[in-house]
């Protein structure tokens, strides 16, 4: 990731999103601001989140190389504020290998250690299938926080296979809904096949209901960009962005509740 921008644009936008950075971040990653540079639009977006509120802003810049990185908001802000009102270059190198950002101008050169994220793209058709099949089963009792979310995890079809399944699960302890979506099934176009990292997260059902609304008028062939770290999930569809905290804690081992064999089976018209 490498961008060239004016000191005033960077300072003003950083100041805006920093309002959502908590003074005592717990966990520590919430003290960071996320920067997303896009070559196609020549824009830089900045996002901050305090666990319940998020702020996003964007500005024009020369995006030499696109990418994303999170940087400590307070130190970043202190450095940028003290730089002269001239062009600034921010170079994070190859984001796959390094999370060191170099900020340089005629006023000097500074280095910041950032943090990386996992990222992927999901077909809207699969998201709609998973959310539509299980959101209704999530709990509304705040005393059972982990059950107020939908659990997403990837798994392979068999030993030694690539990750092929994205599983959605929700339960309120009385009912259980599980949807296993085939990421690379026969109904998915060849150019739309997905290669996901191995992960398991629980996302608040409230946030996913809003995501459903965002996806409502999109084409089923479109894709949603998803990125996440230890705390935050970010969903992007065009100019729309949804940020949500992940729910901490272990999700129930619901797989143990589903029988492997049945004494009787029947097929009925829906």
C-alpha atoms as a PDB file:
ATOM      1  CA  UNK A   1       0.000   0.000   0.000  1.00  0.00           C
ATOM      2  CA  UNK A   2       1.366   3.426  -0.968  1.00  0.00           C
ATOM      3  CA  UNK A   3      -0.411   6.781  -1.105  1.00  0.00           C
ATOM      4  CA  UNK A   4       0.516  10.423  -1.635  1.00  0.00           C
ATOM      5  CA  UNK A   5      -1.846  13.051  -0.183  1.00  0.00           C
ATOM      6  CA  UNK A   6      -1.946  16.491   1.373  1.00  0.00           C
ATOM      7  CA  UNK A   7      -1.222  16.863   5.070  1.00  0.00           C
ATOM      8  CA  UNK A   8      -4.507  18.751   5.584  1.00  0.00           C
ATOM      9  CA  UNK A   9      -6.657  16.028   3.984  1.00  0.00           C
ATOM     10  CA  UNK A  10      -5.011  13.310   6.041  1.00  0.00           C
ATOM     11  CA  UNK A  11      -5.150  15.352   9.263  1.00  0.00           C
ATOM     12  CA  UNK A  12      -8.804  16.388   8.888  1.00  0.00           C
ATOM     13  CA  UNK A  13     -10.091  12.923   8.053  1.00  0.00           C
ATOM     14  CA  UNK A  14      -7.983  11.276  10.728  1.00  0.00           C
ATOM     15  CA  UNK A  15      -9.318  13.750  13.273  1.00  0.00           C
ATOM     16  CA  UNK A  16     -12.894  12.886  12.279  1.00  0.00           C
ATOM     17  CA  UNK A  17     -12.639   9.107  12.604  1.00  0.00           C
ATOM     18  CA  UNK A  18     -10.567   9.393  15.775  1.00  0.00           C
ATOM     19  CA  UNK A  19     -13.760  10.449  17.573  1.00  0.00           C
ATOM     20  CA  UNK A  20     -14.764   6.780  17.478  1.00  0.00           C
ATOM     21  CA  UNK A  21     -11.478   5.578  19.018  1.00  0.00           C
ATOM     22  CA  UNK A  22     -11.992   4.729  22.713  1.00  0.00           C
ATOM     23  CA  UNK A  23      -9.702   6.372  25.261  1.00  0.00           C
ATOM     24  CA  UNK A  24      -9.154   3.010  26.938  1.00  0.00           C
ATOM     25  CA  UNK A  25      -9.319   0.424  24.183  1.00  0.00           C
ATOM     26  CA  UNK A  26     -10.114  -3.120  25.234  1.00  0.00           C
ATOM     27  CA  UNK A  27      -9.013  -5.085  23.286  1.00  0.00           C
ATOM     28  CA  UNK A  28      -6.057  -3.005  22.144  1.00  0.00           C
ATOM     29  CA  UNK A  29      -6.818  -3.235  18.402  1.00  0.00           C
ATOM     30  CA  UNK A  30      -9.742  -0.801  18.884  1.00  0.00           C
ATOM     31  CA  UNK A  31      -7.130   1.929  19.455  1.00  0.00           C
ATOM     32  CA  UNK A  32      -6.219   1.632  15.773  1.00  0.00           C
ATOM     33  CA  UNK A  33      -7.691   3.286  12.702  1.00  0.00           C
ATOM     34  CA  UNK A  34      -8.174   1.238   9.523  1.00  0.00           C
ATOM     35  CA  UNK A  35      -6.908   2.738   6.258  1.00  0.00           C
ATOM     36  CA  UNK A  36      -8.109   1.381   2.910  1.00  0.00           C
ATOM     37  CA  UNK A  37      -6.494   2.666  -0.301  1.00  0.00           C
ATOM     38  CA  UNK A  38      -8.186   1.871  -3.633  1.00  0.00           C
ATOM     39  CA  UNK A  39      -6.333   2.330  -6.922  1.00  0.00           C
ATOM     40  CA  UNK A  40      -9.451   2.184  -9.113  1.00  0.00           C
ATOM     41  CA  UNK A  41     -11.101   5.183  -7.427  1.00  0.00           C
ATOM     42  CA  UNK A  42      -7.929   6.931  -6.227  1.00  0.00           C
ATOM     43  CA  UNK A  43      -9.526   7.288  -2.816  1.00  0.00           C
ATOM     44  CA  UNK A  44      -8.452   6.516   0.734  1.00  0.00           C
ATOM     45  CA  UNK A  45     -11.054   5.457   3.303  1.00  0.00           C
ATOM     46  CA  UNK A  46     -10.523   5.571   7.063  1.00  0.00           C
ATOM     47  CA  UNK A  47     -12.555   3.634   9.630  1.00  0.00           C
ATOM     48  CA  UNK A  48     -12.543   3.647  13.440  1.00  0.00           C
ATOM     49  CA  UNK A  49     -14.704   1.633  15.838  1.00  0.00           C
ATOM     50  CA  UNK A  50     -15.131   1.681  19.614  1.00  0.00           C
ATOM     51  CA  UNK A  51     -17.056  -1.578  19.955  1.00  0.00           C
ATOM     52  CA  UNK A  52     -20.478  -0.004  19.500  1.00  0.00           C
ATOM     53  CA  UNK A  53     -20.040   2.979  17.152  1.00  0.00           C
ATOM     54  CA  UNK A  54     -18.068   3.246  13.936  1.00  0.00           C
ATOM     55  CA  UNK A  55     -17.125   6.246  11.775  1.00  0.00           C
ATOM     56  CA  UNK A  56     -15.958   6.071   8.167  1.00  0.00           C
ATOM     57  CA  UNK A  57     -14.694   8.863   5.932  1.00  0.00           C
ATOM     58  CA  UNK A  58     -12.807   9.051   2.637  1.00  0.00           C
ATOM     59  CA  UNK A  59     -10.763  11.531   0.617  1.00  0.00           C
ATOM     60  CA  UNK A  60      -9.012  11.810  -2.734  1.00  0.00           C
ATOM     61  CA  UNK A  61      -5.346  10.885  -2.926  1.00  0.00           C
ATOM     62  CA  UNK A  62      -2.773   9.541  -5.340  1.00  0.00           C
ATOM     63  CA  UNK A  63      -2.985   5.809  -4.708  1.00  0.00           C
ATOM     64  CA  UNK A  64       0.224   4.335  -6.096  1.00  0.00           C
ATOM     65  CA  UNK A  65      -0.543   0.894  -4.657  1.00  0.00           C
ATOM     66  CA  UNK A  66      -3.817  -0.156  -3.092  1.00  0.00           C
ATOM     67  CA  UNK A  67      -4.097  -2.034   0.182  1.00  0.00           C
ATOM     68  CA  UNK A  68      -5.117  -1.714   3.806  1.00  0.00           C
ATOM     69  CA  UNK A  69      -3.539  -1.471   7.228  1.00  0.00           C
ATOM     70  CA  UNK A  70      -4.552  -0.486  10.748  1.00  0.00           C
ATOM     71  CA  UNK A  71      -2.394   2.049  12.598  1.00  0.00           C
ATOM     72  CA  UNK A  72      -2.435   3.302  16.217  1.00  0.00           C
ATOM     73  CA  UNK A  73      -4.762   6.315  16.025  1.00  0.00           C
ATOM     74  CA  UNK A  74      -3.251   8.537  18.730  1.00  0.00           C
ATOM     75  CA  UNK A  75       0.372   8.227  17.611  1.00  0.00           C
ATOM     76  CA  UNK A  76      -0.642   8.486  13.949  1.00  0.00           C
ATOM     77  CA  UNK A  77      -2.627  11.654  14.685  1.00  0.00           C
ATOM     78  CA  UNK A  78       0.235  13.181  16.702  1.00  0.00           C
ATOM     79  CA  UNK A  79       2.684  12.625  13.839  1.00  0.00           C
ATOM     80  CA  UNK A  80       0.419  13.943  11.082  1.00  0.00           C
ATOM     81  CA  UNK A  81      -0.589  17.042  13.095  1.00  0.00           C
ATOM     82  CA  UNK A  82       3.058  18.054  13.524  1.00  0.00           C
ATOM     83  CA  UNK A  83       3.977  17.675   9.854  1.00  0.00           C
ATOM     84  CA  UNK A  84       4.014  20.763   7.592  1.00  0.00           C
ATOM     85  CA  UNK A  85       1.066  21.436   5.266  1.00  0.00           C
ATOM     86  CA  UNK A  86       2.652  19.749   2.268  1.00  0.00           C
ATOM     87  CA  UNK A  87       2.470  16.429   0.467  1.00  0.00           C
ATOM     88  CA  UNK A  88       2.800  13.321   2.618  1.00  0.00           C
ATOM     89  CA  UNK A  89       3.763   9.854   1.431  1.00  0.00           C
ATOM     90  CA  UNK A  90       2.526   6.859   3.388  1.00  0.00           C
ATOM     91  CA  UNK A  91       4.118   3.586   2.333  1.00  0.00           C
ATOM     92  CA  UNK A  92       3.140   0.316   4.012  1.00  0.00           C
ATOM     93  CA  UNK A  93       5.152  -1.845   1.619  1.00  0.00           C
ATOM     94  CA  UNK A  94       3.824  -5.278   0.675  1.00  0.00           C
ATOM     95  CA  UNK A  95       0.821  -5.750   2.960  1.00  0.00           C
ATOM     96  CA  UNK A  96       1.132  -9.513   2.800  1.00  0.00           C
ATOM     97  CA  UNK A  97       4.569  -9.460   4.415  1.00  0.00           C
ATOM     98  CA  UNK A  98       4.968  -6.227   6.360  1.00  0.00           C
ATOM     99  CA  UNK A  99       2.847  -4.071   8.632  1.00  0.00           C
ATOM    100  CA  UNK A 100       5.389  -1.253   8.980  1.00  0.00           C
ATOM    101  CA  UNK A 101       4.066   2.059   7.633  1.00  0.00           C
ATOM    102  CA  UNK A 102       6.545   4.791   6.705  1.00  0.00           C
ATOM    103  CA  UNK A 103       5.216   8.366   6.783  1.00  0.00           C
ATOM    104  CA  UNK A 104       7.510  10.813   5.025  1.00  0.00           C
ATOM    105  CA  UNK A 105       7.551  14.481   4.029  1.00  0.00           C
ATOM    106  CA  UNK A 106      10.072  17.324   4.010  1.00  0.00           C
ATOM    107  CA  UNK A 107       9.520  17.442   7.777  1.00  0.00           C
ATOM    108  CA  UNK A 108      11.054  14.030   8.320  1.00  0.00           C
ATOM    109  CA  UNK A 109      10.331  10.316   8.194  1.00  0.00           C
ATOM    110  CA  UNK A 110       8.441   8.261  10.762  1.00  0.00           C
ATOM    111  CA  UNK A 111       7.702   4.554  11.049  1.00  0.00           C
ATOM    112  CA  UNK A 112       4.602   3.017  12.639  1.00  0.00           C
ATOM    113  CA  UNK A 113       3.848  -0.614  13.347  1.00  0.00           C
ATOM    114  CA  UNK A 114       0.390  -1.573  12.187  1.00  0.00           C
ATOM    115  CA  UNK A 115      -1.689  -4.724  12.149  1.00  0.00           C
ATOM    116  CA  UNK A 116      -2.992  -6.840   9.312  1.00  0.00           C
ATOM    117  CA  UNK A 117      -6.367  -8.393   8.640  1.00  0.00           C
ATOM    118  CA  UNK A 118      -7.781 -11.455   6.986  1.00  0.00           C
ATOM    119  CA  UNK A 119      -9.873 -10.635   3.976  1.00  0.00           C
ATOM    120  CA  UNK A 120     -12.036 -12.405   1.434  1.00  0.00           C
ATOM    121  CA  UNK A 121     -14.895 -11.924  -1.001  1.00  0.00           C
ATOM    122  CA  UNK A 122     -18.222 -13.744  -0.650  1.00  0.00           C
ATOM    123  CA  UNK A 123     -20.925 -14.175  -3.322  1.00  0.00           C
ATOM    124  CA  UNK A 124     -24.129 -12.401  -2.289  1.00  0.00           C
ATOM    125  CA  UNK A 125     -26.186 -15.469  -3.221  1.00  0.00           C
ATOM    126  CA  UNK A 126     -24.404 -17.553  -0.580  1.00  0.00           C
ATOM    127  CA  UNK A 127     -24.693 -14.854   2.077  1.00  0.00           C
ATOM    128  CA  UNK A 128     -28.412 -14.531   1.429  1.00  0.00           C
ATOM    129  CA  UNK A 129     -28.814 -18.302   1.624  1.00  0.00           C
ATOM    130  CA  UNK A 130     -26.969 -18.561   4.924  1.00  0.00           C
ATOM    131  CA  UNK A 131     -28.511 -15.540   6.628  1.00  0.00           C
ATOM    132  CA  UNK A 132     -32.032 -16.288   5.398  1.00  0.00           C
ATOM    133  CA  UNK A 133     -31.828 -19.802   6.757  1.00  0.00           C
ATOM    134  CA  UNK A 134     -30.664 -19.105  10.294  1.00  0.00           C
ATOM    135  CA  UNK A 135     -31.093 -15.489  11.461  1.00  0.00           C
ATOM    136  CA  UNK A 136     -34.563 -16.225  12.840  1.00  0.00           C
ATOM    137  CA  UNK A 137     -33.126 -18.732  15.336  1.00  0.00           C
ATOM    138  CA  UNK A 138     -30.732 -16.309  17.088  1.00  0.00           C
ATOM    139  CA  UNK A 139     -31.564 -15.473  20.701  1.00  0.00           C
ATOM    140  CA  UNK A 140     -32.834 -12.046  21.798  1.00  0.00           C
ATOM    141  CA  UNK A 141     -31.862 -12.568  25.454  1.00  0.00           C
ATOM    142  CA  UNK A 142     -28.917 -10.293  26.224  1.00  0.00           C
ATOM    143  CA  UNK A 143     -27.986 -12.465  29.196  1.00  0.00           C
ATOM    144  CA  UNK A 144     -26.906 -15.109  26.685  1.00  0.00           C
ATOM    145  CA  UNK A 145     -24.720 -12.804  24.606  1.00  0.00           C
ATOM    146  CA  UNK A 146     -22.995 -15.413  22.458  1.00  0.00           C
ATOM    147  CA  UNK A 147     -26.409 -16.796  21.425  1.00  0.00           C
ATOM    148  CA  UNK A 148     -27.528 -13.379  20.127  1.00  0.00           C
ATOM    149  CA  UNK A 149     -25.172 -13.871  17.222  1.00  0.00           C
ATOM    150  CA  UNK A 150     -24.789 -16.062  14.159  1.00  0.00           C
ATOM    151  CA  UNK A 151     -21.762 -18.347  14.125  1.00  0.00           C
ATOM    152  CA  UNK A 152     -19.844 -18.547  10.839  1.00  0.00           C
ATOM    153  CA  UNK A 153     -17.099 -21.071  10.243  1.00  0.00           C
ATOM    154  CA  UNK A 154     -15.320 -22.656   7.330  1.00  0.00           C
ATOM    155  CA  UNK A 155     -14.629 -26.333   6.939  1.00  0.00           C
ATOM    156  CA  UNK A 156     -13.485 -28.809   4.321  1.00  0.00           C
ATOM    157  CA  UNK A 157     -15.686 -31.484   2.781  1.00  0.00           C
ATOM    158  CA  UNK A 158     -13.218 -34.153   3.802  1.00  0.00           C
ATOM    159  CA  UNK A 159      -9.738 -34.765   5.162  1.00  0.00           C
ATOM    160  CA  UNK A 160      -7.114 -33.142   2.988  1.00  0.00           C
ATOM    161  CA  UNK A 161      -9.662 -31.131   0.988  1.00  0.00           C
ATOM    162  CA  UNK A 162      -9.554 -27.390   0.506  1.00  0.00           C
ATOM    163  CA  UNK A 163     -11.978 -25.211   2.450  1.00  0.00           C
ATOM    164  CA  UNK A 164     -15.268 -25.663   0.585  1.00  0.00           C
ATOM    165  CA  UNK A 165     -18.027 -24.997   3.108  1.00  0.00           C
ATOM    166  CA  UNK A 166     -19.067 -21.806   4.878  1.00  0.00           C
ATOM    167  CA  UNK A 167     -21.432 -22.833   7.653  1.00  0.00           C
ATOM    168  CA  UNK A 168     -23.954 -20.507   9.322  1.00  0.00           C
ATOM    169  CA  UNK A 169     -25.493 -21.505  12.664  1.00  0.00           C
ATOM    170  CA  UNK A 170     -27.843 -19.847  15.160  1.00  0.00           C
ATOM    171  CA  UNK A 171     -29.630 -21.097  18.256  1.00  0.00           C
ATOM    172  CA  UNK A 172     -31.602 -19.646  21.154  1.00  0.00           C
ATOM    173  CA  UNK A 173     -31.062 -22.897  23.135  1.00  0.00           C
ATOM    174  CA  UNK A 174     -34.564 -24.125  22.175  1.00  0.00           C
ATOM    175  CA  UNK A 175     -34.205 -24.282  18.397  1.00  0.00           C
ATOM    176  CA  UNK A 176     -31.207 -24.621  16.127  1.00  0.00           C
ATOM    177  CA  UNK A 177     -30.728 -23.625  12.493  1.00  0.00           C
ATOM    178  CA  UNK A 178     -27.652 -24.604  10.487  1.00  0.00           C
ATOM    179  CA  UNK A 179     -26.990 -23.785   6.828  1.00  0.00           C
ATOM    180  CA  UNK A 180     -23.922 -25.204   5.066  1.00  0.00           C
ATOM    181  CA  UNK A 181     -23.241 -23.245   1.853  1.00  0.00           C
ATOM    182  CA  UNK A 182     -21.049 -24.832  -0.797  1.00  0.00           C
ATOM    183  CA  UNK A 183     -18.583 -22.136  -1.829  1.00  0.00           C
ATOM    184  CA  UNK A 184     -17.492 -23.938  -4.969  1.00  0.00           C
ATOM    185  CA  UNK A 185     -20.566 -26.001  -5.810  1.00  0.00           C
ATOM    186  CA  UNK A 186     -21.973 -26.729  -9.209  1.00  0.00           C
ATOM    187  CA  UNK A 187     -24.315 -23.725  -9.000  1.00  0.00           C
ATOM    188  CA  UNK A 188     -21.394 -21.318  -8.561  1.00  0.00           C
ATOM    189  CA  UNK A 189     -19.808 -19.900 -11.700  1.00  0.00           C
ATOM    190  CA  UNK A 190     -16.190 -20.962 -12.229  1.00  0.00           C
ATOM    191  CA  UNK A 191     -14.900 -17.389 -11.994  1.00  0.00           C
ATOM    192  CA  UNK A 192     -16.841 -16.916  -8.760  1.00  0.00           C
ATOM    193  CA  UNK A 193     -15.335 -19.802  -6.800  1.00  0.00           C
ATOM    194  CA  UNK A 194     -14.011 -18.800  -3.394  1.00  0.00           C
ATOM    195  CA  UNK A 195     -10.871 -19.689  -1.483  1.00  0.00           C
ATOM    196  CA  UNK A 196     -11.359 -18.785   2.187  1.00  0.00           C
ATOM    197  CA  UNK A 197      -8.995 -18.789   5.136  1.00  0.00           C
ATOM    198  CA  UNK A 198      -9.897 -21.110   7.983  1.00  0.00           C
ATOM    199  CA  UNK A 199     -11.854 -19.175  10.608  1.00  0.00           C
ATOM    200  CA  UNK A 200     -14.742 -19.280  13.090  1.00  0.00           C
ATOM    201  CA  UNK A 201     -16.486 -16.082  14.248  1.00  0.00           C
ATOM    202  CA  UNK A 202     -19.732 -15.079  15.940  1.00  0.00           C
ATOM    203  CA  UNK A 203     -21.372 -11.898  14.634  1.00  0.00           C
ATOM    204  CA  UNK A 204     -24.328 -10.097  16.259  1.00  0.00           C
ATOM    205  CA  UNK A 205     -27.599 -11.001  14.541  1.00  0.00           C
ATOM    206  CA  UNK A 206     -28.602  -7.321  14.669  1.00  0.00           C
ATOM    207  CA  UNK A 207     -25.656  -6.384  12.452  1.00  0.00           C
ATOM    208  CA  UNK A 208     -26.352  -9.238  10.037  1.00  0.00           C
ATOM    209  CA  UNK A 209     -29.993  -8.174   9.678  1.00  0.00           C
ATOM    210  CA  UNK A 210     -28.701  -4.774   8.570  1.00  0.00           C
ATOM    211  CA  UNK A 211     -26.349  -6.555   6.159  1.00  0.00           C
ATOM    212  CA  UNK A 212     -29.368  -8.387   4.708  1.00  0.00           C
ATOM    213  CA  UNK A 213     -31.027  -5.034   4.028  1.00  0.00           C
ATOM    214  CA  UNK A 214     -27.874  -3.686   2.366  1.00  0.00           C
ATOM    215  CA  UNK A 215     -27.754  -6.754   0.114  1.00  0.00           C
ATOM    216  CA  UNK A 216     -31.457  -6.521  -0.694  1.00  0.00           C
ATOM    217  CA  UNK A 217     -31.177  -4.535  -3.938  1.00  0.00           C
ATOM    218  CA  UNK A 218     -27.848  -5.975  -5.105  1.00  0.00           C
ATOM    219  CA  UNK A 219     -27.386  -8.538  -7.854  1.00  0.00           C
ATOM    220  CA  UNK A 220     -27.006 -12.132  -6.686  1.00  0.00           C
ATOM    221  CA  UNK A 221     -23.814 -12.340  -8.772  1.00  0.00           C
ATOM    222  CA  UNK A 222     -22.154  -9.450  -6.922  1.00  0.00           C
ATOM    223  CA  UNK A 223     -19.614 -10.042  -4.176  1.00  0.00           C
ATOM    224  CA  UNK A 224     -19.231  -8.596  -0.708  1.00  0.00           C
ATOM    225  CA  UNK A 225     -15.728  -7.760   0.478  1.00  0.00           C
ATOM    226  CA  UNK A 226     -15.196  -9.025   4.015  1.00  0.00           C
ATOM    227  CA  UNK A 227     -12.237  -8.216   6.252  1.00  0.00           C
ATOM    228  CA  UNK A 228     -11.698  -8.952   9.912  1.00  0.00           C
ATOM    229  CA  UNK A 229      -9.182  -9.033  12.722  1.00  0.00           C
ATOM    230  CA  UNK A 230      -9.433 -10.254  16.302  1.00  0.00           C
ATOM    231  CA  UNK A 231     -12.262  -7.849  17.128  1.00  0.00           C
ATOM    232  CA  UNK A 232     -13.998  -6.304  14.130  1.00  0.00           C
ATOM    233  CA  UNK A 233     -15.781  -7.528  10.988  1.00  0.00           C
ATOM    234  CA  UNK A 234     -16.149  -5.181   8.001  1.00  0.00           C
ATOM    235  CA  UNK A 235     -18.509  -5.843   5.077  1.00  0.00           C
ATOM    236  CA  UNK A 236     -18.198  -3.702   1.934  1.00  0.00           C
ATOM    237  CA  UNK A 237     -20.525  -3.572  -1.070  1.00  0.00           C
ATOM    238  CA  UNK A 238     -19.618  -0.744  -3.405  1.00  0.00           C
ATOM    239  CA  UNK A 239     -19.850   2.496  -1.412  1.00  0.00           C
ATOM    240  CA  UNK A 240     -21.734   0.817   1.424  1.00  0.00           C
ATOM    241  CA  UNK A 241     -19.850  -0.372   4.486  1.00  0.00           C
ATOM    242  CA  UNK A 242     -21.029  -2.154   7.626  1.00  0.00           C
ATOM    243  CA  UNK A 243     -18.777  -2.491  10.674  1.00  0.00           C
ATOM    244  CA  UNK A 244     -19.568  -4.845  13.540  1.00  0.00           C
ATOM    245  CA  UNK A 245     -17.780  -6.099  16.620  1.00  0.00           C
ATOM    246  CA  UNK A 246     -17.403  -9.858  16.929  1.00  0.00           C
ATOM    247  CA  UNK A 247     -19.005 -11.527  19.940  1.00  0.00           C
ATOM    248  CA  UNK A 248     -16.321 -13.005  22.216  1.00  0.00           C
ATOM    249  CA  UNK A 249     -16.586 -16.432  23.792  1.00  0.00           C
ATOM    250  CA  UNK A 250     -16.979 -20.012  22.614  1.00  0.00           C
ATOM    251  CA  UNK A 251     -20.084 -20.830  20.595  1.00  0.00           C
ATOM    252  CA  UNK A 252     -21.923 -24.010  21.708  1.00  0.00           C
ATOM    253  CA  UNK A 253     -20.832 -27.257  20.041  1.00  0.00           C
ATOM    254  CA  UNK A 254     -24.117 -27.498  18.130  1.00  0.00           C
ATOM    255  CA  UNK A 255     -22.850 -30.284  15.888  1.00  0.00           C
ATOM    256  CA  UNK A 256     -23.241 -32.705  18.790  1.00  0.00           C
ATOM    257  CA  UNK A 257     -26.975 -31.937  18.903  1.00  0.00           C
ATOM    258  CA  UNK A 258     -27.664 -33.044  15.330  1.00  0.00           C
ATOM    259  CA  UNK A 259     -28.323 -36.802  15.003  1.00  0.00           C
ATOM    260  CA  UNK A 260     -26.268 -38.646  12.415  1.00  0.00           C
ATOM    261  CA  UNK A 261     -28.900 -41.325  11.774  1.00  0.00           C
ATOM    262  CA  UNK A 262     -32.704 -41.437  11.958  1.00  0.00           C
ATOM    263  CA  UNK A 263     -35.065 -44.356  12.436  1.00  0.00           C
ATOM    264  CA  UNK A 264     -37.663 -42.809  10.121  1.00  0.00           C
ATOM    265  CA  UNK A 265     -37.574 -40.293   7.320  1.00  0.00           C
ATOM    266  CA  UNK A 266     -40.265 -38.766   5.141  1.00  0.00           C
ATOM    267  CA  UNK A 267     -40.469 -36.280   2.281  1.00  0.00           C
ATOM    268  CA  UNK A 268     -43.385 -33.840   2.124  1.00  0.00           C
ATOM    269  CA  UNK A 269     -44.422 -31.077  -0.227  1.00  0.00           C
ATOM    270  CA  UNK A 270     -43.253 -27.742   1.169  1.00  0.00           C
END
